[in-house]
Amino acid sequence: LLAMRVLLATTAVASAGDCLCIFDVDRTLTGSQGSSWLQCRKDARINGVHDSAYAGGTLVLSEVSQFIAQTFCSQCYIGTISAGSASGAGSAERGVL
């Protein structure tokens, strides 16, 4: 949530090539599957898309991943990093992200 506030509060606009925004997949671009989804009301559950992180479950998109287009990062190159697989090459999760 703090990261989202910082991104939205930034007014600098850069052209692609001037900046790079990198986000971790698990628990930054995605939220925790299961009961904690109820605690993060702005997270969005993507029914029918499996997220293999941790215990696995239905993909949950964090507020950050849903609103990147409304931040200065929309004008930058965007990358992701992860210690996990993001459900593997060609997965529905990767397609959504």
C-alpha atoms as a PDB file:
ATOM      1  CA  LEU A   1       0.000   0.000   0.000  1.00  0.00           C
ATOM      2  CA  LEU A   2       2.834   2.393   0.807  1.00  0.00           C
ATOM      3  CA  ALA A   3       4.419   1.661  -2.564  1.00  0.00           C
ATOM      4  CA  MET A   4       1.117   2.494  -4.275  1.00  0.00           C
ATOM      5  CA  ARG A   5       0.849   5.805  -2.417  1.00  0.00           C
ATOM      6  CA  VAL A   6       4.392   6.725  -3.402  1.00  0.00           C
ATOM      7  CA  LEU A   7       3.755   5.860  -7.049  1.00  0.00           C
ATOM      8  CA  LEU A   8       0.525   7.847  -7.186  1.00  0.00           C
ATOM      9  CA  ALA A   9       2.036  10.820  -5.373  1.00  0.00           C
ATOM     10  CA  THR A  10       4.891  11.121  -7.856  1.00  0.00           C
ATOM     11  CA  THR A  11       4.170  13.635 -10.569  1.00  0.00           C
ATOM     12  CA  ALA A  12       7.313  13.189 -12.663  1.00  0.00           C
ATOM     13  CA  VAL A  13       6.614  11.986 -16.172  1.00  0.00           C
ATOM     14  CA  ALA A  14       9.328  10.347 -18.185  1.00  0.00           C
ATOM     15  CA  SER A  15       9.383   9.028 -21.713  1.00  0.00           C
ATOM     16  CA  ALA A  16      10.037   5.337 -22.245  1.00  0.00           C
ATOM     17  CA  GLY A  17      13.736   4.781 -22.100  1.00  0.00           C
ATOM     18  CA  ASP A  18      14.279   7.353 -19.369  1.00  0.00           C
ATOM     19  CA  CYS A  19      13.153   5.102 -16.542  1.00  0.00           C
ATOM     20  CA  LEU A  20      12.674   1.524 -15.433  1.00  0.00           C
ATOM     21  CA  CYS A  21      10.150   0.255 -12.890  1.00  0.00           C
ATOM     22  CA  ILE A  22      10.780  -3.260 -11.561  1.00  0.00           C
ATOM     23  CA  PHE A  23       8.314  -5.123  -9.377  1.00  0.00           C
ATOM     24  CA  ASP A  24       8.544  -8.431  -7.539  1.00  0.00           C
ATOM     25  CA  VAL A  25       5.771 -10.810  -8.558  1.00  0.00           C
ATOM     26  CA  ASP A  26       4.770 -12.563  -5.327  1.00  0.00           C
ATOM     27  CA  ARG A  27       3.072 -10.261  -2.809  1.00  0.00           C
ATOM     28  CA  THR A  28       3.855  -7.085  -4.758  1.00  0.00           C
ATOM     29  CA  LEU A  29       2.050  -7.611  -8.049  1.00  0.00           C
ATOM     30  CA  THR A  30       0.013 -10.435  -6.551  1.00  0.00           C
ATOM     31  CA  GLY A  31      -1.778 -10.642  -3.247  1.00  0.00           C
ATOM     32  CA  SER A  32      -1.955 -13.592  -0.916  1.00  0.00           C
ATOM     33  CA  GLN A  33      -4.429 -16.261  -1.977  1.00  0.00           C
ATOM     34  CA  GLY A  34      -7.077 -17.213   0.516  1.00  0.00           C
ATOM     35  CA  SER A  35      -8.305 -15.524   3.675  1.00  0.00           C
ATOM     36  CA  SER A  36      -6.026 -12.476   3.601  1.00  0.00           C
ATOM     37  CA  TRP A  37      -7.769 -11.408   0.378  1.00  0.00           C
ATOM     38  CA  LEU A  38     -10.648 -10.390   2.623  1.00  0.00           C
ATOM     39  CA  GLN A  39      -8.298  -8.004   4.445  1.00  0.00           C
ATOM     40  CA  CYS A  40      -7.119  -6.256   1.269  1.00  0.00           C
ATOM     41  CA  ARG A  41     -10.351  -4.988  -0.245  1.00  0.00           C
ATOM     42  CA  LYS A  42      -8.676  -3.437  -3.298  1.00  0.00           C
ATOM     43  CA  ASP A  43      -7.072  -6.723  -4.344  1.00  0.00           C
ATOM     44  CA  ALA A  44      -8.858  -8.414  -7.246  1.00  0.00           C
ATOM     45  CA  ARG A  45      -9.378 -12.166  -7.425  1.00  0.00           C
ATOM     46  CA  ILE A  46      -8.983 -13.501 -10.981  1.00  0.00           C
ATOM     47  CA  ASN A  47     -11.231 -16.550 -11.078  1.00  0.00           C
ATOM     48  CA  GLY A  48     -10.019 -19.395 -13.273  1.00  0.00           C
ATOM     49  CA  VAL A  49      -6.344 -18.343 -13.086  1.00  0.00           C
ATOM     50  CA  HIS A  50      -4.075 -20.398 -10.835  1.00  0.00           C
ATOM     51  CA  ASP A  51      -1.209 -18.833  -8.862  1.00  0.00           C
ATOM     52  CA  SER A  52       1.354 -21.468  -7.844  1.00  0.00           C
ATOM     53  CA  ALA A  53       3.143 -19.274  -5.252  1.00  0.00           C
ATOM     54  CA  TYR A  54       3.359 -20.538  -1.683  1.00  0.00           C
ATOM     55  CA  ALA A  55       0.436 -22.945  -1.090  1.00  0.00           C
ATOM     56  CA  GLY A  56      -1.167 -22.057  -4.441  1.00  0.00           C
ATOM     57  CA  GLY A  57      -4.678 -20.916  -5.218  1.00  0.00           C
ATOM     58  CA  THR A  58      -6.632 -18.453  -7.304  1.00  0.00           C
ATOM     59  CA  LEU A  59      -4.599 -15.524  -8.615  1.00  0.00           C
ATOM     60  CA  VAL A  60      -5.120 -12.310  -6.666  1.00  0.00           C
ATOM     61  CA  LEU A  61      -3.891  -9.060  -8.207  1.00  0.00           C
ATOM     62  CA  SER A  62      -2.646  -6.414  -5.796  1.00  0.00           C
ATOM     63  CA  GLU A  63      -3.715  -2.800  -5.962  1.00  0.00           C
ATOM     64  CA  VAL A  64      -0.299  -1.926  -7.411  1.00  0.00           C
ATOM     65  CA  SER A  65      -0.628  -4.315 -10.358  1.00  0.00           C
ATOM     66  CA  GLN A  66      -4.125  -3.054 -11.150  1.00  0.00           C
ATOM     67  CA  PHE A  67      -3.201   0.631 -11.222  1.00  0.00           C
ATOM     68  CA  ILE A  68       0.341   0.812 -12.651  1.00  0.00           C
ATOM     69  CA  ALA A  69      -1.126   2.556 -15.692  1.00  0.00           C
ATOM     70  CA  GLN A  70      -2.150   5.455 -13.435  1.00  0.00           C
ATOM     71  CA  THR A  71       1.403   6.030 -12.196  1.00  0.00           C
ATOM     72  CA  PHE A  72       4.524   7.478 -13.759  1.00  0.00           C
ATOM     73  CA  CYS A  73       5.611   3.880 -14.415  1.00  0.00           C
ATOM     74  CA  SER A  74       3.178   3.770 -17.356  1.00  0.00           C
ATOM     75  CA  GLN A  75       5.717   5.914 -19.217  1.00  0.00           C
ATOM     76  CA  CYS A  76       8.648   3.637 -18.342  1.00  0.00           C
ATOM     77  CA  TYR A  77       9.958   0.239 -19.206  1.00  0.00           C
ATOM     78  CA  ILE A  78       8.379  -2.206 -16.769  1.00  0.00           C
ATOM     79  CA  GLY A  79      10.027  -5.378 -15.529  1.00  0.00           C
ATOM     80  CA  THR A  80       9.329  -8.127 -13.035  1.00  0.00           C
ATOM     81  CA  ILE A  81      11.542 -10.207 -10.787  1.00  0.00           C
ATOM     82  CA  SER A  82      10.737 -13.268  -8.754  1.00  0.00           C
ATOM     83  CA  ALA A  83      12.362 -16.035  -6.773  1.00  0.00           C
ATOM     84  CA  GLY A  84       9.416 -18.164  -7.920  1.00  0.00           C
ATOM     85  CA  SER A  85       8.200 -19.280 -11.336  1.00  0.00           C
ATOM     86  CA  ALA A  86       5.055 -17.123 -11.676  1.00  0.00           C
ATOM     87  CA  SER A  87       3.319 -20.431 -12.500  1.00  0.00           C
ATOM     88  CA  GLY A  88       5.722 -21.218 -15.357  1.00  0.00           C
ATOM     89  CA  ALA A  89       6.253 -20.317 -18.990  1.00  0.00           C
ATOM     90  CA  GLY A  90       3.027 -19.869 -20.932  1.00  0.00           C
ATOM     91  CA  SER A  91       0.872 -19.917 -17.784  1.00  0.00           C
ATOM     92  CA  ALA A  92      -2.366 -18.009 -17.438  1.00  0.00           C
ATOM     93  CA  GLU A  93      -0.851 -16.131 -14.487  1.00  0.00           C
ATOM     94  CA  ARG A  94       1.959 -14.787 -16.654  1.00  0.00           C
ATOM     95  CA  GLY A  95      -0.581 -13.826 -19.301  1.00  0.00           C
ATOM     96  CA  VAL A  96      -2.551 -11.780 -16.796  1.00  0.00           C
ATOM     97  CA  LEU A  97       0.539 -10.155 -15.275  1.00  0.00           C
END
